[in-house]
Amino acid sequence: MRIRAGYEISFDCPQTTPMLLVVSVHPSRAGDLLTPGIITAEPALRLSTYHDRFDNLCTRILAPPGRTTITTSFDIADTGLPDEENWGAAQHNVEDLPDELLTFLLGSRYCETDRLSDTAWALFGNTAPGWGRVAAICDFVHQHIKFNYQDARSTRTAWEGYQEGRGVCRDYAHLAVAFCRCMNIPARYCTGYLGDIGVPPPDAPGDFSAWFEAYLGGRWYTFDARHNQPRIGRILMARGRDATDVAISTVFGPSVLSGFTVWTDEVV
């Protein structure tokens, strides 16, 4: 399957403003790119890149006063297969986990394991450890949070999402990640493209999507509490502890997001 994806994002800045952008295809999918996916800026700017500790490809720019627009478009090859399911994937004992995975058991900015631990054990303590437990978490979060773009709030945490019962894809992911960690299952937050391939198109403009990965049976598996079904054509951009690590833009000064368009379409 060939997928064409990209974005056009604009910022209005009253002064020269440094920015950190995480808007490139993740290195793990670089080999699938059929076209380069180069980021361009208007006005023309110097773009420098580096890999963070999660191997995300990050871009730094210095935006001038006025409007800055960043754009990319690329084609990528995809298997066309839905997210893998493995109901036999076992949960690891904490003492058996590799050292580098322990950070994905800890609380983070948007995933307050300390505030949700008692709730998690009350809800999921009697579920069978492993894939079934993560599936039960996804089922609960999917039913508990009501999706509405108008309810988006960049400061909402997993605890607040649980209390309010509303939000967008990042809120589903944060709450599911927090519950998994409370149940001693390493979980990490993911962001990227997810087109409406194989499902009815929504009555909403294109956007980036958030999902999560859980570590079971010696590897990471993809889960999506927002849609709660295997989907086709995910394109990973970044992964980390939570949205702090994978924010599309981190702006070191005043700015206004003045334009935002994302597309993800199958090329037929």
C-alpha atoms as a PDB file:
ATOM      1  CA  MET A   1       0.000   0.000   0.000  1.00  0.00           C
ATOM      2  CA  ARG A   2       1.179   3.520  -0.831  1.00  0.00           C
ATOM      3  CA  ILE A   3       0.127   6.367   1.473  1.00  0.00           C
ATOM      4  CA  ARG A   4       0.587  10.073   0.836  1.00  0.00           C
ATOM      5  CA  ALA A   5       0.803  12.211   3.965  1.00  0.00           C
ATOM      6  CA  GLY A   6       1.934  15.627   5.069  1.00  0.00           C
ATOM      7  CA  TYR A   7       1.033  18.891   6.737  1.00  0.00           C
ATOM      8  CA  GLU A   8       1.085  22.664   6.503  1.00  0.00           C
ATOM      9  CA  ILE A   9       1.388  24.411   9.865  1.00  0.00           C
ATOM     10  CA  SER A  10       1.662  28.167  10.446  1.00  0.00           C
ATOM     11  CA  PHE A  11       2.742  30.172  13.486  1.00  0.00           C
ATOM     12  CA  ASP A  12       2.449  33.925  14.057  1.00  0.00           C
ATOM     13  CA  CYS A  13       5.199  35.286  16.308  1.00  0.00           C
ATOM     14  CA  PRO A  14       5.493  38.886  17.563  1.00  0.00           C
ATOM     15  CA  GLN A  15       9.259  38.517  17.918  1.00  0.00           C
ATOM     16  CA  THR A  16      12.100  36.200  16.942  1.00  0.00           C
ATOM     17  CA  THR A  17      11.209  32.904  18.596  1.00  0.00           C
ATOM     18  CA  PRO A  18      13.114  29.607  18.935  1.00  0.00           C
ATOM     19  CA  MET A  19      11.013  26.505  18.241  1.00  0.00           C
ATOM     20  CA  LEU A  20      11.469  22.765  18.638  1.00  0.00           C
ATOM     21  CA  LEU A  21       9.416  20.683  16.206  1.00  0.00           C
ATOM     22  CA  VAL A  22       8.766  16.937  16.264  1.00  0.00           C
ATOM     23  CA  VAL A  23       7.075  16.539  12.896  1.00  0.00           C
ATOM     24  CA  SER A  24       9.229  14.058  10.967  1.00  0.00           C
ATOM     25  CA  VAL A  25       8.543  10.400  10.267  1.00  0.00           C
ATOM     26  CA  HIS A  26      10.167   8.298  12.981  1.00  0.00           C
ATOM     27  CA  PRO A  27      13.527   6.725  12.012  1.00  0.00           C
ATOM     28  CA  SER A  28      11.986   3.264  12.443  1.00  0.00           C
ATOM     29  CA  ARG A  29       9.848   3.989   9.344  1.00  0.00           C
ATOM     30  CA  ALA A  30      12.526   5.810   7.341  1.00  0.00           C
ATOM     31  CA  GLY A  31      13.161   2.741   5.208  1.00  0.00           C
ATOM     32  CA  ASP A  32       9.527   2.799   4.068  1.00  0.00           C
ATOM     33  CA  LEU A  33       9.678   6.338   2.680  1.00  0.00           C
ATOM     34  CA  LEU A  34       9.183   6.441  -1.083  1.00  0.00           C
ATOM     35  CA  THR A  35       9.848  10.198  -1.254  1.00  0.00           C
ATOM     36  CA  PRO A  36      12.121  12.150   1.111  1.00  0.00           C
ATOM     37  CA  GLY A  37       9.581  14.076   3.213  1.00  0.00           C
ATOM     38  CA  ILE A  38      11.776  17.157   3.467  1.00  0.00           C
ATOM     39  CA  ILE A  39      10.527  19.944   5.727  1.00  0.00           C
ATOM     40  CA  THR A  40      10.404  23.368   4.091  1.00  0.00           C
ATOM     41  CA  ALA A  41       9.806  26.718   5.740  1.00  0.00           C
ATOM     42  CA  GLU A  42       8.375  29.989   4.477  1.00  0.00           C
ATOM     43  CA  PRO A  43      10.142  32.323   4.840  1.00  0.00           C
ATOM     44  CA  ALA A  44      13.266  30.244   4.185  1.00  0.00           C
ATOM     45  CA  LEU A  45      14.953  29.322   7.486  1.00  0.00           C
ATOM     46  CA  ARG A  46      17.868  27.259   8.691  1.00  0.00           C
ATOM     47  CA  LEU A  47      16.587  23.933  10.021  1.00  0.00           C
ATOM     48  CA  SER A  48      18.829  21.772  12.203  1.00  0.00           C
ATOM     49  CA  THR A  49      17.983  18.281  13.415  1.00  0.00           C
ATOM     50  CA  TYR A  50      18.999  15.880  16.154  1.00  0.00           C
ATOM     51  CA  HIS A  51      17.782  12.588  17.660  1.00  0.00           C
ATOM     52  CA  ASP A  52      16.455  12.702  21.203  1.00  0.00           C
ATOM     53  CA  ARG A  53      16.800   9.898  23.774  1.00  0.00           C
ATOM     54  CA  PHE A  54      13.741   8.125  22.340  1.00  0.00           C
ATOM     55  CA  ASP A  55      15.288   8.261  18.835  1.00  0.00           C
ATOM     56  CA  ASN A  56      12.701  10.800  17.652  1.00  0.00           C
ATOM     57  CA  LEU A  57      13.928  13.096  14.884  1.00  0.00           C
ATOM     58  CA  CYS A  58      13.633  16.661  16.211  1.00  0.00           C
ATOM     59  CA  THR A  59      13.936  19.907  14.229  1.00  0.00           C
ATOM     60  CA  ARG A  60      15.058  23.293  15.572  1.00  0.00           C
ATOM     61  CA  ILE A  61      14.192  26.598  13.926  1.00  0.00           C
ATOM     62  CA  LEU A  62      14.421  30.275  14.798  1.00  0.00           C
ATOM     63  CA  ALA A  63      11.160  31.797  13.608  1.00  0.00           C
ATOM     64  CA  PRO A  64      11.289  35.509  12.667  1.00  0.00           C
ATOM     65  CA  PRO A  65       8.600  38.038  13.611  1.00  0.00           C
ATOM     66  CA  GLY A  66       5.436  37.502  11.585  1.00  0.00           C
ATOM     67  CA  ARG A  67       4.113  34.300  10.060  1.00  0.00           C
ATOM     68  CA  THR A  68       6.208  31.152   9.626  1.00  0.00           C
ATOM     69  CA  THR A  69       4.797  28.175   7.727  1.00  0.00           C
ATOM     70  CA  ILE A  70       6.349  24.721   7.748  1.00  0.00           C
ATOM     71  CA  THR A  71       5.309  22.137   5.188  1.00  0.00           C
ATOM     72  CA  THR A  72       6.084  18.604   4.145  1.00  0.00           C
ATOM     73  CA  SER A  73       4.557  15.991   1.879  1.00  0.00           C
ATOM     74  CA  PHE A  74       5.752  12.435   1.317  1.00  0.00           C
ATOM     75  CA  ASP A  75       4.751   9.013   0.066  1.00  0.00           C
ATOM     76  CA  ILE A  76       5.374   5.974   2.243  1.00  0.00           C
ATOM     77  CA  ALA A  77       4.975   2.232   1.731  1.00  0.00           C
ATOM     78  CA  ASP A  78       2.796   0.377   4.221  1.00  0.00           C
ATOM     79  CA  THR A  79       1.923  -3.287   4.630  1.00  0.00           C
ATOM     80  CA  GLY A  80      -1.788  -2.519   4.486  1.00  0.00           C
ATOM     81  CA  LEU A  81      -2.258  -4.839   7.456  1.00  0.00           C
ATOM     82  CA  PRO A  82      -4.174  -3.824  10.589  1.00  0.00           C
ATOM     83  CA  ASP A  83      -2.468  -3.437  13.971  1.00  0.00           C
ATOM     84  CA  GLU A  84      -1.180  -6.794  15.187  1.00  0.00           C
ATOM     85  CA  GLU A  85      -3.066  -8.620  17.928  1.00  0.00           C
ATOM     86  CA  ASN A  86      -1.537 -11.317  20.142  1.00  0.00           C
ATOM     87  CA  TRP A  87      -3.820 -12.484  22.928  1.00  0.00           C
ATOM     88  CA  GLY A  88      -1.102 -14.849  24.095  1.00  0.00           C
ATOM     89  CA  ALA A  89       1.404 -12.065  24.817  1.00  0.00           C
ATOM     90  CA  ALA A  90       2.364 -12.352  28.466  1.00  0.00           C
ATOM     91  CA  GLN A  91       2.993  -9.656  31.051  1.00  0.00           C
ATOM     92  CA  HIS A  92       6.527  -9.566  32.463  1.00  0.00           C
ATOM     93  CA  ASN A  93       7.396  -9.474  36.111  1.00  0.00           C
ATOM     94  CA  VAL A  94       8.911  -6.112  36.969  1.00  0.00           C
ATOM     95  CA  GLU A  95      12.137  -7.711  38.145  1.00  0.00           C
ATOM     96  CA  ASP A  96      12.566  -9.343  34.729  1.00  0.00           C
ATOM     97  CA  LEU A  97      12.194  -6.159  32.668  1.00  0.00           C
ATOM     98  CA  PRO A  98      15.255  -4.629  30.950  1.00  0.00           C
ATOM     99  CA  ASP A  99      16.596  -1.585  32.790  1.00  0.00           C
ATOM    100  CA  GLU A 100      15.762   0.812  29.950  1.00  0.00           C
ATOM    101  CA  LEU A 101      12.057  -0.031  30.194  1.00  0.00           C
ATOM    102  CA  LEU A 102      11.622   0.980  33.825  1.00  0.00           C
ATOM    103  CA  THR A 103      11.105   4.625  32.879  1.00  0.00           C
ATOM    104  CA  PHE A 104       7.892   3.519  31.151  1.00  0.00           C
ATOM    105  CA  LEU A 105       6.528   2.284  34.485  1.00  0.00           C
ATOM    106  CA  LEU A 106       7.003   5.632  36.201  1.00  0.00           C
ATOM    107  CA  GLY A 107       4.672   8.583  36.501  1.00  0.00           C
ATOM    108  CA  SER A 108       5.229  11.497  34.124  1.00  0.00           C
ATOM    109  CA  ARG A 109       3.924  15.001  33.445  1.00  0.00           C
ATOM    110  CA  TYR A 110       0.598  13.864  32.006  1.00  0.00           C
ATOM    111  CA  CYS A 111       0.374  10.348  33.486  1.00  0.00           C
ATOM    112  CA  GLU A 112       0.030  10.562  37.275  1.00  0.00           C
ATOM    113  CA  THR A 113       0.408   6.971  38.372  1.00  0.00           C
ATOM    114  CA  ASP A 114       0.350   7.995  42.026  1.00  0.00           C
ATOM    115  CA  ARG A 115      -3.149   9.483  41.720  1.00  0.00           C
ATOM    116  CA  LEU A 116      -4.534   6.637  39.598  1.00  0.00           C
ATOM    117  CA  SER A 117      -2.932   3.565  41.160  1.00  0.00           C
ATOM    118  CA  ASP A 118      -5.756   2.668  43.570  1.00  0.00           C
ATOM    119  CA  THR A 119      -8.336   3.211  40.833  1.00  0.00           C
ATOM    120  CA  ALA A 120      -6.380   1.058  38.385  1.00  0.00           C
ATOM    121  CA  TRP A 121      -6.077  -1.865  40.797  1.00  0.00           C
ATOM    122  CA  ALA A 122      -9.767  -1.624  41.716  1.00  0.00           C
ATOM    123  CA  LEU A 123     -10.756  -1.679  38.048  1.00  0.00           C
ATOM    124  CA  PHE A 124      -8.245  -4.141  36.594  1.00  0.00           C
ATOM    125  CA  GLY A 125      -6.762  -6.092  39.505  1.00  0.00           C
ATOM    126  CA  ASN A 126      -8.930  -9.120  38.736  1.00  0.00           C
ATOM    127  CA  THR A 127      -8.178  -9.202  35.005  1.00  0.00           C
ATOM    128  CA  ALA A 128      -5.760 -11.791  33.630  1.00  0.00           C
ATOM    129  CA  PRO A 129      -2.236 -10.328  33.295  1.00  0.00           C
ATOM    130  CA  GLY A 130      -1.021  -9.802  29.760  1.00  0.00           C
ATOM    131  CA  TRP A 131      -2.828  -8.850  26.561  1.00  0.00           C
ATOM    132  CA  GLY A 132      -6.257  -9.267  28.121  1.00  0.00           C
ATOM    133  CA  ARG A 133      -5.436  -6.754  30.831  1.00  0.00           C
ATOM    134  CA  VAL A 134      -4.325  -4.102  28.325  1.00  0.00           C
ATOM    135  CA  ALA A 135      -7.428  -4.841  26.239  1.00  0.00           C
ATOM    136  CA  ALA A 136      -9.590  -4.357  29.349  1.00  0.00           C
ATOM    137  CA  ILE A 137      -7.887  -1.016  29.987  1.00  0.00           C
ATOM    138  CA  CYS A 138      -8.560   0.056  26.392  1.00  0.00           C
ATOM    139  CA  ASP A 139     -12.211  -1.016  26.663  1.00  0.00           C
ATOM    140  CA  PHE A 140     -12.691   0.988  29.837  1.00  0.00           C
ATOM    141  CA  VAL A 141     -10.953   4.138  28.574  1.00  0.00           C
ATOM    142  CA  HIS A 142     -12.804   3.945  25.244  1.00  0.00           C
ATOM    143  CA  GLN A 143     -16.147   3.859  27.045  1.00  0.00           C
ATOM    144  CA  HIS A 144     -15.246   6.269  29.843  1.00  0.00           C
ATOM    145  CA  ILE A 145     -14.021   9.232  27.769  1.00  0.00           C
ATOM    146  CA  LYS A 146     -16.385  10.977  25.381  1.00  0.00           C
ATOM    147  CA  PHE A 147     -14.568  12.241  22.281  1.00  0.00           C
ATOM    148  CA  ASN A 148     -15.127  15.836  21.185  1.00  0.00           C
ATOM    149  CA  TYR A 149     -12.648  18.129  19.411  1.00  0.00           C
ATOM    150  CA  GLN A 150     -14.188  21.062  21.288  1.00  0.00           C
ATOM    151  CA  ASP A 151     -13.006  19.497  24.549  1.00  0.00           C
ATOM    152  CA  ALA A 152      -9.313  19.561  23.580  1.00  0.00           C
ATOM    153  CA  ARG A 153      -7.086  21.073  26.278  1.00  0.00           C
ATOM    154  CA  SER A 154      -3.313  20.905  26.140  1.00  0.00           C
ATOM    155  CA  THR A 155      -2.941  20.870  29.929  1.00  0.00           C
ATOM    156  CA  ARG A 156      -5.352  17.995  30.674  1.00  0.00           C
ATOM    157  CA  THR A 157      -3.652  15.109  32.486  1.00  0.00           C
ATOM    158  CA  ALA A 158      -4.661  11.460  32.728  1.00  0.00           C
ATOM    159  CA  TRP A 159      -6.134  12.059  36.179  1.00  0.00           C
ATOM    160  CA  GLU A 160      -8.152  15.008  34.899  1.00  0.00           C
ATOM    161  CA  GLY A 161      -9.278  13.016  31.864  1.00  0.00           C
ATOM    162  CA  TYR A 162     -10.504  10.291  34.182  1.00  0.00           C
ATOM    163  CA  GLN A 163     -12.328  12.808  36.374  1.00  0.00           C
ATOM    164  CA  GLU A 164     -13.858  14.772  33.472  1.00  0.00           C
ATOM    165  CA  GLY A 165     -14.661  11.855  31.172  1.00  0.00           C
ATOM    166  CA  ARG A 166     -14.073  13.851  28.004  1.00  0.00           C
ATOM    167  CA  GLY A 167     -11.257  14.777  25.666  1.00  0.00           C
ATOM    168  CA  VAL A 168      -9.488  13.916  22.421  1.00  0.00           C
ATOM    169  CA  CYS A 169      -7.112  11.153  21.293  1.00  0.00           C
ATOM    170  CA  ARG A 170      -4.226  12.308  23.493  1.00  0.00           C
ATOM    171  CA  ASP A 171      -6.466  12.050  26.560  1.00  0.00           C
ATOM    172  CA  TYR A 172      -7.406   8.461  25.730  1.00  0.00           C
ATOM    173  CA  ALA A 173      -3.734   7.619  25.277  1.00  0.00           C
ATOM    174  CA  HIS A 174      -2.613   9.332  28.483  1.00  0.00           C
ATOM    175  CA  LEU A 175      -5.219   7.589  30.620  1.00  0.00           C
ATOM    176  CA  ALA A 176      -4.518   4.167  29.093  1.00  0.00           C
ATOM    177  CA  VAL A 177      -0.754   4.660  29.502  1.00  0.00           C
ATOM    178  CA  ALA A 178      -1.197   5.670  33.145  1.00  0.00           C
ATOM    179  CA  PHE A 179      -3.426   2.671  33.905  1.00  0.00           C
ATOM    180  CA  CYS A 180      -0.966   0.281  32.238  1.00  0.00           C
ATOM    181  CA  ARG A 181       1.919   1.657  34.275  1.00  0.00           C
ATOM    182  CA  CYS A 182      -0.142   1.380  37.453  1.00  0.00           C
ATOM    183  CA  MET A 183      -0.622  -2.313  36.607  1.00  0.00           C
ATOM    184  CA  ASN A 184       3.159  -2.763  36.093  1.00  0.00           C
ATOM    185  CA  ILE A 185       2.957  -2.886  32.284  1.00  0.00           C
ATOM    186  CA  PRO A 186       5.493  -0.632  30.517  1.00  0.00           C
ATOM    187  CA  ALA A 187       3.630   1.792  28.249  1.00  0.00           C
ATOM    188  CA  ARG A 188       4.734   4.650  26.041  1.00  0.00           C
ATOM    189  CA  TYR A 189       2.844   7.421  24.257  1.00  0.00           C
ATOM    190  CA  CYS A 190       2.937   7.645  20.439  1.00  0.00           C
ATOM    191  CA  THR A 191       1.940  10.264  17.916  1.00  0.00           C
ATOM    192  CA  GLY A 192       1.748  10.233  14.153  1.00  0.00           C
ATOM    193  CA  TYR A 193      -0.531   9.987  11.155  1.00  0.00           C
ATOM    194  CA  LEU A 194      -3.608   7.757  11.070  1.00  0.00           C
ATOM    195  CA  GLY A 195      -5.721   8.117   7.951  1.00  0.00           C
ATOM    196  CA  ASP A 196      -9.236   6.776   7.566  1.00  0.00           C
ATOM    197  CA  ILE A 197      -8.159   3.743   5.542  1.00  0.00           C
ATOM    198  CA  GLY A 198     -10.646   0.906   5.747  1.00  0.00           C
ATOM    199  CA  VAL A 199     -13.103   2.875   7.882  1.00  0.00           C
ATOM    200  CA  PRO A 200     -15.802   5.476   7.071  1.00  0.00           C
ATOM    201  CA  PRO A 201     -14.358   9.012   6.809  1.00  0.00           C
ATOM    202  CA  PRO A 202     -15.143  11.273   9.794  1.00  0.00           C
ATOM    203  CA  ASP A 203     -16.922  14.597   9.640  1.00  0.00           C
ATOM    204  CA  ALA A 204     -13.825  16.444  10.828  1.00  0.00           C
ATOM    205  CA  PRO A 205     -10.660  17.925   9.324  1.00  0.00           C
ATOM    206  CA  GLY A 206      -7.449  15.908   9.225  1.00  0.00           C
ATOM    207  CA  ASP A 207      -5.234  15.866  12.304  1.00  0.00           C
ATOM    208  CA  PHE A 208      -2.345  13.990  13.832  1.00  0.00           C
ATOM    209  CA  SER A 209      -3.313  11.081  16.067  1.00  0.00           C
ATOM    210  CA  ALA A 210      -2.196   9.697  19.416  1.00  0.00           C
ATOM    211  CA  TRP A 211      -2.050   6.059  20.486  1.00  0.00           C
ATOM    212  CA  PHE A 212       0.216   4.015  22.750  1.00  0.00           C
ATOM    213  CA  GLU A 213       2.431   0.963  22.900  1.00  0.00           C
ATOM    214  CA  ALA A 214       2.565  -1.632  25.675  1.00  0.00           C
ATOM    215  CA  TYR A 215       5.451  -4.010  26.322  1.00  0.00           C
ATOM    216  CA  LEU A 216       4.248  -7.619  26.439  1.00  0.00           C
ATOM    217  CA  GLY A 217       5.819 -10.932  25.487  1.00  0.00           C
ATOM    218  CA  GLY A 218       9.265  -9.409  24.936  1.00  0.00           C
ATOM    219  CA  ARG A 219       8.260  -6.645  22.488  1.00  0.00           C
ATOM    220  CA  TRP A 220       6.157  -3.523  22.019  1.00  0.00           C
ATOM    221  CA  TYR A 221       2.612  -3.759  20.646  1.00  0.00           C
ATOM    222  CA  THR A 222       0.347  -0.979  19.371  1.00  0.00           C
ATOM    223  CA  PHE A 223      -2.904  -0.181  21.200  1.00  0.00           C
ATOM    224  CA  ASP A 224      -5.457   2.555  20.539  1.00  0.00           C
ATOM    225  CA  ALA A 225      -7.995   3.304  23.272  1.00  0.00           C
ATOM    226  CA  ARG A 226      -9.573   6.072  21.184  1.00  0.00           C
ATOM    227  CA  HIS A 227     -10.664   3.838  18.297  1.00  0.00           C
ATOM    228  CA  ASN A 228     -10.371   0.539  20.187  1.00  0.00           C
ATOM    229  CA  GLN A 229      -9.997  -1.553  17.057  1.00  0.00           C
ATOM    230  CA  PRO A 230      -7.042  -2.532  14.846  1.00  0.00           C
ATOM    231  CA  ARG A 231      -6.417   0.142  12.223  1.00  0.00           C
ATOM    232  CA  ILE A 232      -4.543   0.266   8.915  1.00  0.00           C
ATOM    233  CA  GLY A 233      -1.832   2.714   7.894  1.00  0.00           C
ATOM    234  CA  ARG A 234      -0.368   4.185  11.077  1.00  0.00           C
ATOM    235  CA  ILE A 235       2.719   6.308  10.400  1.00  0.00           C
ATOM    236  CA  LEU A 236       4.722   6.861  13.580  1.00  0.00           C
ATOM    237  CA  MET A 237       6.356  10.251  14.109  1.00  0.00           C
ATOM    238  CA  ALA A 238       7.446  10.060  17.731  1.00  0.00           C
ATOM    239  CA  ARG A 239       7.157   8.159  20.981  1.00  0.00           C
ATOM    240  CA  GLY A 240       7.999   8.984  24.588  1.00  0.00           C
ATOM    241  CA  ARG A 241       6.750   9.049  28.146  1.00  0.00           C
ATOM    242  CA  ASP A 242       3.785  11.273  27.298  1.00  0.00           C
ATOM    243  CA  ALA A 243       2.863  14.282  25.139  1.00  0.00           C
ATOM    244  CA  THR A 244       5.656  16.340  26.707  1.00  0.00           C
ATOM    245  CA  ASP A 245       8.260  14.283  24.859  1.00  0.00           C
ATOM    246  CA  VAL A 246       6.489  14.279  21.492  1.00  0.00           C
ATOM    247  CA  ALA A 247       4.835  17.696  21.262  1.00  0.00           C
ATOM    248  CA  ILE A 248       4.404  18.760  17.642  1.00  0.00           C
ATOM    249  CA  SER A 249       5.855  22.133  18.594  1.00  0.00           C
ATOM    250  CA  THR A 250       7.533  23.493  21.695  1.00  0.00           C
ATOM    251  CA  VAL A 251       7.750  27.263  21.398  1.00  0.00           C
ATOM    252  CA  PHE A 252      10.179  29.271  23.523  1.00  0.00           C
ATOM    253  CA  GLY A 253       8.259  32.537  23.422  1.00  0.00           C
ATOM    254  CA  PRO A 254       4.853  33.972  22.501  1.00  0.00           C
ATOM    255  CA  SER A 255       3.176  32.636  19.365  1.00  0.00           C
ATOM    256  CA  VAL A 256      -0.211  31.818  17.860  1.00  0.00           C
ATOM    257  CA  LEU A 257      -0.999  28.685  15.852  1.00  0.00           C
ATOM    258  CA  SER A 258      -2.577  30.363  12.832  1.00  0.00           C
ATOM    259  CA  GLY A 259      -2.881  27.468  10.379  1.00  0.00           C
ATOM    260  CA  PHE A 260      -3.036  23.698  10.686  1.00  0.00           C
ATOM    261  CA  THR A 261      -3.707  21.191   7.905  1.00  0.00           C
ATOM    262  CA  VAL A 262      -2.831  17.483   7.940  1.00  0.00           C
ATOM    263  CA  TRP A 263      -3.530  14.889   5.257  1.00  0.00           C
ATOM    264  CA  THR A 264      -3.150  11.099   5.076  1.00  0.00           C
ATOM    265  CA  ASP A 265      -4.559   9.334   2.026  1.00  0.00           C
ATOM    266  CA  GLU A 266      -4.122   6.014   0.298  1.00  0.00           C
ATOM    267  CA  VAL A 267      -2.697   6.373  -3.199  1.00  0.00           C
ATOM    268  CA  VAL A 268      -4.708   4.198  -5.562  1.00  0.00           C
END
